[in-house]
């Protein structure tokens, strides 16, 4: 994979890093999102980062990512760590039964 993921993050840079990945034309949008999520600091919930980006997209129309990538960002925003943990527990219970 040729996408760069070495970004130093603060709230304003989350959108800029996603825009930089979105500018790579020869990679699928799913890999762009994966590179962005994997490049996030370990203490930052990807869902929270996605929500920050969504707010920035509304606030600054000049820094918009592509619609397909934004759709994936919106999906990430729906799955905070707590919700993912519940899904894992439910799957474990189903596997045991």
PDB file of N, CA and C in Angstrom:
ATOM      1  N   UNK A   1       0.852  -1.171   0.000  1.00  0.00           N
ATOM      2  CA  UNK A   1       0.000   0.000   0.000  1.00  0.00           C
ATOM      3  C   UNK A   1       0.898   1.234   0.000  1.00  0.00           C
ATOM      4  N   UNK A   2       0.559   2.241  -0.770  1.00  0.00           N
ATOM      5  CA  UNK A   2       1.407   3.413  -0.933  1.00  0.00           C
ATOM      6  C   UNK A   2       0.894   4.629  -0.176  1.00  0.00           C
ATOM      7  N   UNK A   3      -0.141   4.480   0.602  1.00  0.00           N
ATOM      8  CA  UNK A   3      -0.706   5.624   1.309  1.00  0.00           C
ATOM      9  C   UNK A   3       0.145   5.980   2.519  1.00  0.00           C
ATOM     10  N   UNK A   4       0.378   7.261   2.705  1.00  0.00           N
ATOM     11  CA  UNK A   4       1.139   7.729   3.863  1.00  0.00           C
ATOM     12  C   UNK A   4       0.201   7.841   5.057  1.00  0.00           C
ATOM     13  N   UNK A   5       0.661   7.369   6.210  1.00  0.00           N
ATOM     14  CA  UNK A   5      -0.170   7.446   7.407  1.00  0.00           C
ATOM     15  C   UNK A   5       0.555   8.143   8.547  1.00  0.00           C
ATOM     16  N   UNK A   6       1.660   8.820   8.274  1.00  0.00           N
ATOM     17  CA  UNK A   6       2.434   9.478   9.318  1.00  0.00           C
ATOM     18  C   UNK A   6       1.942  10.908   9.504  1.00  0.00           C
ATOM     19  N   UNK A   7       0.859  11.063  10.254  1.00  0.00           N
ATOM     20  CA  UNK A   7       0.287  12.373  10.505  1.00  0.00           C
ATOM     21  C   UNK A   7       0.336  12.668  11.992  1.00  0.00           C
ATOM     22  N   UNK A   8       0.600  13.910  12.320  1.00  0.00           N
ATOM     23  CA  UNK A   8       0.529  14.369  13.696  1.00  0.00           C
ATOM     24  C   UNK A   8      -0.830  15.042  13.846  1.00  0.00           C
ATOM     25  N   UNK A   9      -1.658  14.564  14.776  1.00  0.00           N
ATOM     26  CA  UNK A   9      -3.046  14.986  14.801  1.00  0.00           C
ATOM     27  C   UNK A   9      -3.373  16.002  15.869  1.00  0.00           C
ATOM     28  N   UNK A  10      -4.205  16.926  15.503  1.00  0.00           N
ATOM     29  CA  UNK A  10      -5.001  17.721  16.415  1.00  0.00           C
ATOM     30  C   UNK A  10      -6.346  17.862  15.706  1.00  0.00           C
ATOM     31  N   UNK A  11      -7.300  18.497  16.317  1.00  0.00           N
ATOM     32  CA  UNK A  11      -8.643  18.552  15.743  1.00  0.00           C
ATOM     33  C   UNK A  11      -8.667  19.106  14.315  1.00  0.00           C
ATOM     34  N   UNK A  12      -7.859  20.117  14.063  1.00  0.00           N
ATOM     35  CA  UNK A  12      -7.877  20.722  12.729  1.00  0.00           C
ATOM     36  C   UNK A  12      -7.159  19.883  11.692  1.00  0.00           C
ATOM     37  N   UNK A  13      -6.262  19.019  12.121  1.00  0.00           N
ATOM     38  CA  UNK A  13      -5.501  18.209  11.173  1.00  0.00           C
ATOM     39  C   UNK A  13      -6.201  16.914  10.784  1.00  0.00           C
ATOM     40  N   UNK A  14      -7.211  16.521  11.520  1.00  0.00           N
ATOM     41  CA  UNK A  14      -7.920  15.290  11.175  1.00  0.00           C
ATOM     42  C   UNK A  14      -8.498  15.368   9.766  1.00  0.00           C
ATOM     43  N   UNK A  15      -9.145  16.468   9.450  1.00  0.00           N
ATOM     44  CA  UNK A  15      -9.725  16.654   8.132  1.00  0.00           C
ATOM     45  C   UNK A  15      -8.636  16.765   7.072  1.00  0.00           C
ATOM     46  N   UNK A  16      -7.570  17.496   7.380  1.00  0.00           N
ATOM     47  CA  UNK A  16      -6.485  17.680   6.420  1.00  0.00           C
ATOM     48  C   UNK A  16      -5.815  16.349   6.088  1.00  0.00           C
ATOM     49  N   UNK A  17      -5.643  15.495   7.075  1.00  0.00           N
ATOM     50  CA  UNK A  17      -5.021  14.199   6.812  1.00  0.00           C
ATOM     51  C   UNK A  17      -5.920  13.322   5.947  1.00  0.00           C
ATOM     52  N   UNK A  18      -7.204  13.407   6.182  1.00  0.00           N
ATOM     53  CA  UNK A  18      -8.148  12.644   5.364  1.00  0.00           C
ATOM     54  C   UNK A  18      -8.175  13.181   3.936  1.00  0.00           C
ATOM     55  N   UNK A  19      -8.106  14.493   3.792  1.00  0.00           N
ATOM     56  CA  UNK A  19      -8.044  15.101   2.460  1.00  0.00           C
ATOM     57  C   UNK A  19      -6.796  14.657   1.703  1.00  0.00           C
ATOM     58  N   UNK A  20      -5.667  14.594   2.401  1.00  0.00           N
ATOM     59  CA  UNK A  20      -4.424  14.162   1.759  1.00  0.00           C
ATOM     60  C   UNK A  20      -4.548  12.736   1.244  1.00  0.00           C
ATOM     61  N   UNK A  21      -5.156  11.875   2.025  1.00  0.00           N
ATOM     62  CA  UNK A  21      -5.360  10.493   1.587  1.00  0.00           C
ATOM     63  C   UNK A  21      -6.367  10.421   0.441  1.00  0.00           C
ATOM     64  N   UNK A  22      -7.375  11.274   0.492  1.00  0.00           N
ATOM     65  CA  UNK A  22      -8.397  11.297  -0.553  1.00  0.00           C
ATOM     66  C   UNK A  22      -7.808  11.734  -1.894  1.00  0.00           C
ATOM     67  N   UNK A  23      -6.736  12.502  -1.847  1.00  0.00           N
ATOM     68  CA  UNK A  23      -6.102  12.995  -3.077  1.00  0.00           C
ATOM     69  C   UNK A  23      -5.356  11.899  -3.831  1.00  0.00           C
ATOM     70  N   UNK A  24      -5.077  10.788  -3.162  1.00  0.00           N
ATOM     71  CA  UNK A  24      -4.399   9.667  -3.821  1.00  0.00           C
ATOM     72  C   UNK A  24      -5.422   8.988  -4.728  1.00  0.00           C
ATOM     73  N   UNK A  25      -5.212   9.090  -6.024  1.00  0.00           N
ATOM     74  CA  UNK A  25      -6.235   8.645  -6.975  1.00  0.00           C
ATOM     75  C   UNK A  25      -6.178   7.158  -7.294  1.00  0.00           C
ATOM     76  N   UNK A  26      -5.069   6.513  -7.060  1.00  0.00           N
ATOM     77  CA  UNK A  26      -4.923   5.119  -7.481  1.00  0.00           C
ATOM     78  C   UNK A  26      -5.217   4.100  -6.377  1.00  0.00           C
ATOM     79  N   UNK A  27      -5.779   4.530  -5.283  1.00  0.00           N
ATOM     80  CA  UNK A  27      -6.119   3.625  -4.182  1.00  0.00           C
ATOM     81  C   UNK A  27      -7.628   3.589  -3.967  1.00  0.00           C
ATOM     82  N   UNK A  28      -8.189   2.430  -3.639  1.00  0.00           N
ATOM     83  CA  UNK A  28      -9.624   2.347  -3.338  1.00  0.00           C
ATOM     84  C   UNK A  28      -9.965   3.165  -2.092  1.00  0.00           C
ATOM     85  N   UNK A  29     -11.162   3.675  -2.069  1.00  0.00           N
ATOM     86  CA  UNK A  29     -11.605   4.529  -0.967  1.00  0.00           C
ATOM     87  C   UNK A  29     -11.547   3.776   0.366  1.00  0.00           C
ATOM     88  N   UNK A  30     -11.773   2.493   0.354  1.00  0.00           N
ATOM     89  CA  UNK A  30     -11.723   1.700   1.587  1.00  0.00           C
ATOM     90  C   UNK A  30     -10.308   1.693   2.172  1.00  0.00           C
ATOM     91  N   UNK A  31      -9.291   1.605   1.309  1.00  0.00           N
ATOM     92  CA  UNK A  31      -7.909   1.635   1.788  1.00  0.00           C
ATOM     93  C   UNK A  31      -7.537   3.012   2.319  1.00  0.00           C
ATOM     94  N   UNK A  32      -8.092   4.043   1.722  1.00  0.00           N
ATOM     95  CA  UNK A  32      -7.850   5.398   2.214  1.00  0.00           C
ATOM     96  C   UNK A  32      -8.396   5.541   3.633  1.00  0.00           C
ATOM     97  N   UNK A  33      -9.602   5.061   3.851  1.00  0.00           N
ATOM     98  CA  UNK A  33     -10.197   5.136   5.178  1.00  0.00           C
ATOM     99  C   UNK A  33      -9.401   4.298   6.173  1.00  0.00           C
ATOM    100  N   UNK A  34      -9.014   3.105   5.768  1.00  0.00           N
ATOM    101  CA  UNK A  34      -8.239   2.240   6.653  1.00  0.00           C
ATOM    102  C   UNK A  34      -6.916   2.903   7.037  1.00  0.00           C
ATOM    103  N   UNK A  35      -6.251   3.512   6.075  1.00  0.00           N
ATOM    104  CA  UNK A  35      -4.992   4.203   6.360  1.00  0.00           C
ATOM    105  C   UNK A  35      -5.218   5.351   7.345  1.00  0.00           C
ATOM    106  N   UNK A  36      -6.322   6.061   7.183  1.00  0.00           N
ATOM    107  CA  UNK A  36      -6.633   7.173   8.085  1.00  0.00           C
ATOM    108  C   UNK A  36      -6.894   6.658   9.498  1.00  0.00           C
ATOM    109  N   UNK A  37      -7.721   5.630   9.612  1.00  0.00           N
ATOM    110  CA  UNK A  37      -8.048   5.079  10.935  1.00  0.00           C
ATOM    111  C   UNK A  37      -6.798   4.511  11.599  1.00  0.00           C
ATOM    112  N   UNK A  38      -5.989   3.797  10.851  1.00  0.00           N
ATOM    113  CA  UNK A  38      -4.784   3.193  11.433  1.00  0.00           C
ATOM    114  C   UNK A  38      -3.746   4.248  11.803  1.00  0.00           C
ATOM    115  N   UNK A  39      -3.806   5.411  11.188  1.00  0.00           N
ATOM    116  CA  UNK A  39      -2.881   6.487  11.509  1.00  0.00           C
ATOM    117  C   UNK A  39      -3.305   7.345  12.684  1.00  0.00           C
ATOM    118  N   UNK A  40      -4.494   7.098  13.209  1.00  0.00           N
ATOM    119  CA  UNK A  40      -4.968   7.870  14.359  1.00  0.00           C
ATOM    120  C   UNK A  40      -4.175   7.495  15.604  1.00  0.00           C
ATOM    121  N   UNK A  41      -3.989   8.440  16.524  1.00  0.00           N
ATOM    122  CA  UNK A  41      -3.335   8.100  17.795  1.00  0.00           C
ATOM    123  C   UNK A  41      -4.120   7.005  18.508  1.00  0.00           C
ATOM    124  N   UNK A  42      -3.418   6.144  19.222  1.00  0.00           N
ATOM    125  CA  UNK A  42      -4.070   4.984  19.844  1.00  0.00           C
ATOM    126  C   UNK A  42      -5.144   5.365  20.844  1.00  0.00           C
ATOM    127  N   UNK A  43      -5.040   6.505  21.473  1.00  0.00           N
ATOM    128  CA  UNK A  43      -6.044   6.915  22.455  1.00  0.00           C
ATOM    129  C   UNK A  43      -7.265   7.580  21.868  1.00  0.00           C
ATOM    130  N   UNK A  44      -7.275   7.801  20.560  1.00  0.00           N
ATOM    131  CA  UNK A  44      -8.392   8.497  19.921  1.00  0.00           C
ATOM    132  C   UNK A  44      -9.340   7.489  19.280  1.00  0.00           C
ATOM    133  N   UNK A  45     -10.571   7.483  19.747  1.00  0.00           N
ATOM    134  CA  UNK A  45     -11.600   6.610  19.193  1.00  0.00           C
ATOM    135  C   UNK A  45     -11.880   7.052  17.754  1.00  0.00           C
ATOM    136  N   UNK A  46     -11.771   6.141  16.782  1.00  0.00           N
ATOM    137  CA  UNK A  46     -12.040   6.510  15.392  1.00  0.00           C
ATOM    138  C   UNK A  46     -13.425   7.119  15.186  1.00  0.00           C
ATOM    139  N   UNK A  47     -14.411   6.695  15.963  1.00  0.00           N
ATOM    140  CA  UNK A  47     -15.753   7.257  15.831  1.00  0.00           C
ATOM    141  C   UNK A  47     -15.758   8.733  16.228  1.00  0.00           C
ATOM    142  N   UNK A  48     -15.016   9.073  17.265  1.00  0.00           N
ATOM    143  CA  UNK A  48     -14.925  10.467  17.690  1.00  0.00           C
ATOM    144  C   UNK A  48     -14.191  11.280  16.626  1.00  0.00           C
ATOM    145  N   UNK A  49     -13.103  10.733  16.103  1.00  0.00           N
ATOM    146  CA  UNK A  49     -12.357  11.422  15.039  1.00  0.00           C
ATOM    147  C   UNK A  49     -13.248  11.628  13.818  1.00  0.00           C
ATOM    148  N   UNK A  50     -14.048  10.639  13.490  1.00  0.00           N
ATOM    149  CA  UNK A  50     -14.954  10.753  12.341  1.00  0.00           C
ATOM    150  C   UNK A  50     -15.986  11.852  12.570  1.00  0.00           C
ATOM    151  N   UNK A  51     -16.507  11.941  13.786  1.00  0.00           N
ATOM    152  CA  UNK A  51     -17.479  12.997  14.090  1.00  0.00           C
ATOM    153  C   UNK A  51     -16.847  14.385  13.994  1.00  0.00           C
ATOM    154  N   UNK A  52     -15.599  14.497  14.428  1.00  0.00           N
ATOM    155  CA  UNK A  52     -14.888  15.775  14.312  1.00  0.00           C
ATOM    156  C   UNK A  52     -14.766  16.169  12.848  1.00  0.00           C
ATOM    157  N   UNK A  53     -14.384  15.198  12.013  1.00  0.00           N
ATOM    158  CA  UNK A  53     -14.249  15.458  10.577  1.00  0.00           C
ATOM    159  C   UNK A  53     -15.602  15.850   9.982  1.00  0.00           C
ATOM    160  N   UNK A  54     -16.654  15.182  10.387  1.00  0.00           N
ATOM    161  CA  UNK A  54     -17.978  15.507   9.858  1.00  0.00           C
ATOM    162  C   UNK A  54     -18.352  16.955  10.190  1.00  0.00           C
ATOM    163  N   UNK A  55     -18.064  17.392  11.407  1.00  0.00           N
ATOM    164  CA  UNK A  55     -18.350  18.780  11.796  1.00  0.00           C
ATOM    165  C   UNK A  55     -17.513  19.746  10.976  1.00  0.00           C
ATOM    166  N   UNK A  56     -16.259  19.407  10.738  1.00  0.00           N
ATOM    167  CA  UNK A  56     -15.389  20.277   9.952  1.00  0.00           C
ATOM    168  C   UNK A  56     -15.844  20.344   8.500  1.00  0.00           C
ATOM    169  N   UNK A  57     -16.387  19.256   8.002  1.00  0.00           N
ATOM    170  CA  UNK A  57     -16.888  19.241   6.628  1.00  0.00           C
ATOM    171  C   UNK A  57     -18.052  20.217   6.465  1.00  0.00           C
ATOM    172  N   UNK A  58     -18.881  20.327   7.491  1.00  0.00           N
ATOM    173  CA  UNK A  58     -20.010  21.257   7.456  1.00  0.00           C
ATOM    174  C   UNK A  58     -19.516  22.695   7.626  1.00  0.00           C
ATOM    175  N   UNK A  59     -18.543  22.884   8.501  1.00  0.00           N
ATOM    176  CA  UNK A  59     -18.061  24.226   8.814  1.00  0.00           C
ATOM    177  C   UNK A  59     -17.220  24.833   7.692  1.00  0.00           C
ATOM    178  N   UNK A  60     -16.436  24.021   7.007  1.00  0.00           N
ATOM    179  CA  UNK A  60     -15.526  24.545   5.988  1.00  0.00           C
ATOM    180  C   UNK A  60     -15.744  23.803   4.680  1.00  0.00           C
ATOM    181  N   UNK A  61     -16.521  24.393   3.806  1.00  0.00           N
ATOM    182  CA  UNK A  61     -16.866  23.747   2.535  1.00  0.00           C
ATOM    183  C   UNK A  61     -15.688  23.642   1.577  1.00  0.00           C
ATOM    184  N   UNK A  62     -14.624  24.393   1.812  1.00  0.00           N
ATOM    185  CA  UNK A  62     -13.469  24.344   0.916  1.00  0.00           C
ATOM    186  C   UNK A  62     -12.584  23.131   1.162  1.00  0.00           C
ATOM    187  N   UNK A  63     -12.792  22.443   2.270  1.00  0.00           N
ATOM    188  CA  UNK A  63     -11.952  21.300   2.625  1.00  0.00           C
ATOM    189  C   UNK A  63     -12.769  20.011   2.670  1.00  0.00           C
ATOM    190  N   UNK A  64     -13.536  19.757   1.637  1.00  0.00           N
ATOM    191  CA  UNK A  64     -14.411  18.583   1.623  1.00  0.00           C
ATOM    192  C   UNK A  64     -13.728  17.382   1.000  1.00  0.00           C
ATOM    193  N   UNK A  65     -13.944  16.230   1.606  1.00  0.00           N
ATOM    194  CA  UNK A  65     -13.468  14.973   1.027  1.00  0.00           C
ATOM    195  C   UNK A  65     -14.526  14.471   0.054  1.00  0.00           C
ATOM    196  N   UNK A  66     -14.154  13.496  -0.732  1.00  0.00           N
ATOM    197  CA  UNK A  66     -15.080  12.959  -1.730  1.00  0.00           C
ATOM    198  C   UNK A  66     -16.296  12.320  -1.056  1.00  0.00           C
ATOM    199  N   UNK A  67     -17.393  12.274  -1.783  1.00  0.00           N
ATOM    200  CA  UNK A  67     -18.637  11.702  -1.246  1.00  0.00           C
ATOM    201  C   UNK A  67     -18.473  10.234  -0.845  1.00  0.00           C
ATOM    202  N   UNK A  68     -17.811   9.385  -1.656  1.00  0.00           N
ATOM    203  CA  UNK A  68     -17.664   7.987  -1.236  1.00  0.00           C
ATOM    204  C   UNK A  68     -16.864   7.841   0.064  1.00  0.00           C
ATOM    205  N   UNK A  69     -15.816   8.643   0.222  1.00  0.00           N
ATOM    206  CA  UNK A  69     -15.027   8.573   1.453  1.00  0.00           C
ATOM    207  C   UNK A  69     -15.825   9.124   2.625  1.00  0.00           C
ATOM    208  N   UNK A  70     -16.575  10.182   2.409  1.00  0.00           N
ATOM    209  CA  UNK A  70     -17.391  10.753   3.481  1.00  0.00           C
ATOM    210  C   UNK A  70     -18.440   9.753   3.957  1.00  0.00           C
ATOM    211  N   UNK A  71     -18.998   8.994   3.044  1.00  0.00           N
ATOM    212  CA  UNK A  71     -19.985   7.970   3.403  1.00  0.00           C
ATOM    213  C   UNK A  71     -19.364   6.951   4.372  1.00  0.00           C
ATOM    214  N   UNK A  72     -18.122   6.553   4.104  1.00  0.00           N
ATOM    215  CA  UNK A  72     -17.432   5.619   4.998  1.00  0.00           C
ATOM    216  C   UNK A  72     -17.114   6.267   6.343  1.00  0.00           C
ATOM    217  N   UNK A  73     -16.732   7.536   6.325  1.00  0.00           N
ATOM    218  CA  UNK A  73     -16.466   8.260   7.572  1.00  0.00           C
ATOM    219  C   UNK A  73     -17.735   8.303   8.418  1.00  0.00           C
ATOM    220  N   UNK A  74     -18.869   8.536   7.787  1.00  0.00           N
ATOM    221  CA  UNK A  74     -20.144   8.552   8.514  1.00  0.00           C
ATOM    222  C   UNK A  74     -20.443   7.191   9.137  1.00  0.00           C
ATOM    223  N   UNK A  75     -20.080   6.134   8.467  1.00  0.00           N
ATOM    224  CA  UNK A  75     -20.273   4.794   9.020  1.00  0.00           C
ATOM    225  C   UNK A  75     -19.384   4.580  10.240  1.00  0.00           C
ATOM    226  N   UNK A  76     -18.133   5.003  10.149  1.00  0.00           N
ATOM    227  CA  UNK A  76     -17.208   4.883  11.286  1.00  0.00           C
ATOM    228  C   UNK A  76     -17.751   5.651  12.487  1.00  0.00           C
ATOM    229  N   UNK A  77     -18.339   6.806  12.253  1.00  0.00           N
ATOM    230  CA  UNK A  77     -18.875   7.634  13.341  1.00  0.00           C
ATOM    231  C   UNK A  77     -19.985   6.922  14.117  1.00  0.00           C
ATOM    232  N   UNK A  78     -20.633   5.964  13.502  1.00  0.00           N
ATOM    233  CA  UNK A  78     -21.740   5.247  14.143  1.00  0.00           C
ATOM    234  C   UNK A  78     -21.273   4.124  15.064  1.00  0.00           C
ATOM    235  N   UNK A  79     -19.964   3.840  15.081  1.00  0.00           N
ATOM    236  CA  UNK A  79     -19.463   2.703  15.848  1.00  0.00           C
ATOM    237  C   UNK A  79     -18.361   3.100  16.825  1.00  0.00           C
ATOM    238  N   UNK A  80     -18.738   3.794  17.919  1.00  0.00           N
ATOM    239  CA  UNK A  80     -17.734   4.094  18.941  1.00  0.00           C
ATOM    240  C   UNK A  80     -17.270   2.800  19.616  1.00  0.00           C
ATOM    241  N   UNK A  81     -16.180   2.882  20.323  1.00  0.00           N
ATOM    242  CA  UNK A  81     -15.594   1.687  20.961  1.00  0.00           C
ATOM    243  C   UNK A  81     -16.598   0.934  21.820  1.00  0.00           C
ATOM    244  N   UNK A  82     -17.456   1.666  22.524  1.00  0.00           N
ATOM    245  CA  UNK A  82     -18.436   1.006  23.398  1.00  0.00           C
ATOM    246  C   UNK A  82     -19.389   0.131  22.579  1.00  0.00           C
ATOM    247  N   UNK A  83     -19.828   0.644  21.461  1.00  0.00           N
ATOM    248  CA  UNK A  83     -20.752  -0.121  20.607  1.00  0.00           C
ATOM    249  C   UNK A  83     -20.044  -1.334  20.007  1.00  0.00           C
ATOM    250  N   UNK A  84     -18.803  -1.164  19.590  1.00  0.00           N
ATOM    251  CA  UNK A  84     -18.047  -2.289  19.049  1.00  0.00           C
ATOM    252  C   UNK A  84     -17.846  -3.371  20.110  1.00  0.00           C
ATOM    253  N   UNK A  85     -17.607  -2.950  21.350  1.00  0.00           N
ATOM    254  CA  UNK A  85     -17.436  -3.916  22.440  1.00  0.00           C
ATOM    255  C   UNK A  85     -18.713  -4.728  22.653  1.00  0.00           C
ATOM    256  N   UNK A  86     -19.865  -4.076  22.538  1.00  0.00           N
ATOM    257  CA  UNK A  86     -21.136  -4.789  22.689  1.00  0.00           C
ATOM    258  C   UNK A  86     -21.321  -5.804  21.566  1.00  0.00           C
ATOM    259  N   UNK A  87     -20.928  -5.448  20.362  1.00  0.00           N
ATOM    260  CA  UNK A  87     -21.040  -6.373  19.236  1.00  0.00           C
ATOM    261  C   UNK A  87     -20.155  -7.594  19.442  1.00  0.00           C
ATOM    262  N   UNK A  88     -18.961  -7.373  19.959  1.00  0.00           N
ATOM    263  CA  UNK A  88     -18.039  -8.487  20.210  1.00  0.00           C
ATOM    264  C   UNK A  88     -18.618  -9.414  21.274  1.00  0.00           C
ATOM    265  N   UNK A  89     -19.153  -8.836  22.353  1.00  0.00           N
ATOM    266  CA  UNK A  89     -19.759  -9.666  23.401  1.00  0.00           C
ATOM    267  C   UNK A  89     -20.924 -10.477  22.866  1.00  0.00           C
ATOM    268  N   UNK A  90     -21.756  -9.870  22.054  1.00  0.00           N
ATOM    269  CA  UNK A  90     -22.911 -10.584  21.482  1.00  0.00           C
ATOM    270  C   UNK A  90     -22.447 -11.728  20.589  1.00  0.00           C
ATOM    271  N   UNK A  91     -21.404 -11.518  19.816  1.00  0.00           N
ATOM    272  CA  UNK A  91     -20.896 -12.587  18.950  1.00  0.00           C
ATOM    273  C   UNK A  91     -20.300 -13.730  19.766  1.00  0.00           C
ATOM    274  N   UNK A  92     -19.613 -13.371  20.829  1.00  0.00           N
ATOM    275  CA  UNK A  92     -19.024 -14.428  21.691  1.00  0.00           C
ATOM    276  C   UNK A  92     -20.131 -15.279  22.315  1.00  0.00           C
ATOM    277  N   UNK A  93     -21.195 -14.606  22.787  1.00  0.00           N
ATOM    278  CA  UNK A  93     -22.311 -15.352  23.377  1.00  0.00           C
ATOM    279  C   UNK A  93     -22.971 -16.253  22.347  1.00  0.00           C
ATOM    280  N   UNK A  94     -23.129 -15.755  21.137  1.00  0.00           N
ATOM    281  CA  UNK A  94     -23.745 -16.553  20.078  1.00  0.00           C
ATOM    282  C   UNK A  94     -22.861 -17.746  19.718  1.00  0.00           C
ATOM    283  N   UNK A  95     -21.564 -17.565  19.738  1.00  0.00           N
ATOM    284  CA  UNK A  95     -20.644 -18.650  19.413  1.00  0.00           C
ATOM    285  C   UNK A  95     -20.632 -19.725  20.488  1.00  0.00           C
ATOM    286  N   UNK A  96     -20.812 -19.307  21.734  1.00  0.00           N
ATOM    287  CA  UNK A  96     -20.844 -20.254  22.842  1.00  0.00           C
ATOM    288  C   UNK A  96     -22.116 -21.084  22.797  1.00  0.00           C
ATOM    289  N   UNK A  97     -23.215 -20.457  22.458  1.00  0.00           N
ATOM    290  CA  UNK A  97     -24.507 -21.165  22.430  1.00  0.00           C
ATOM    291  C   UNK A  97     -24.575 -21.926  21.183  1.00  0.00           C
TER     292      UNK A  97
END
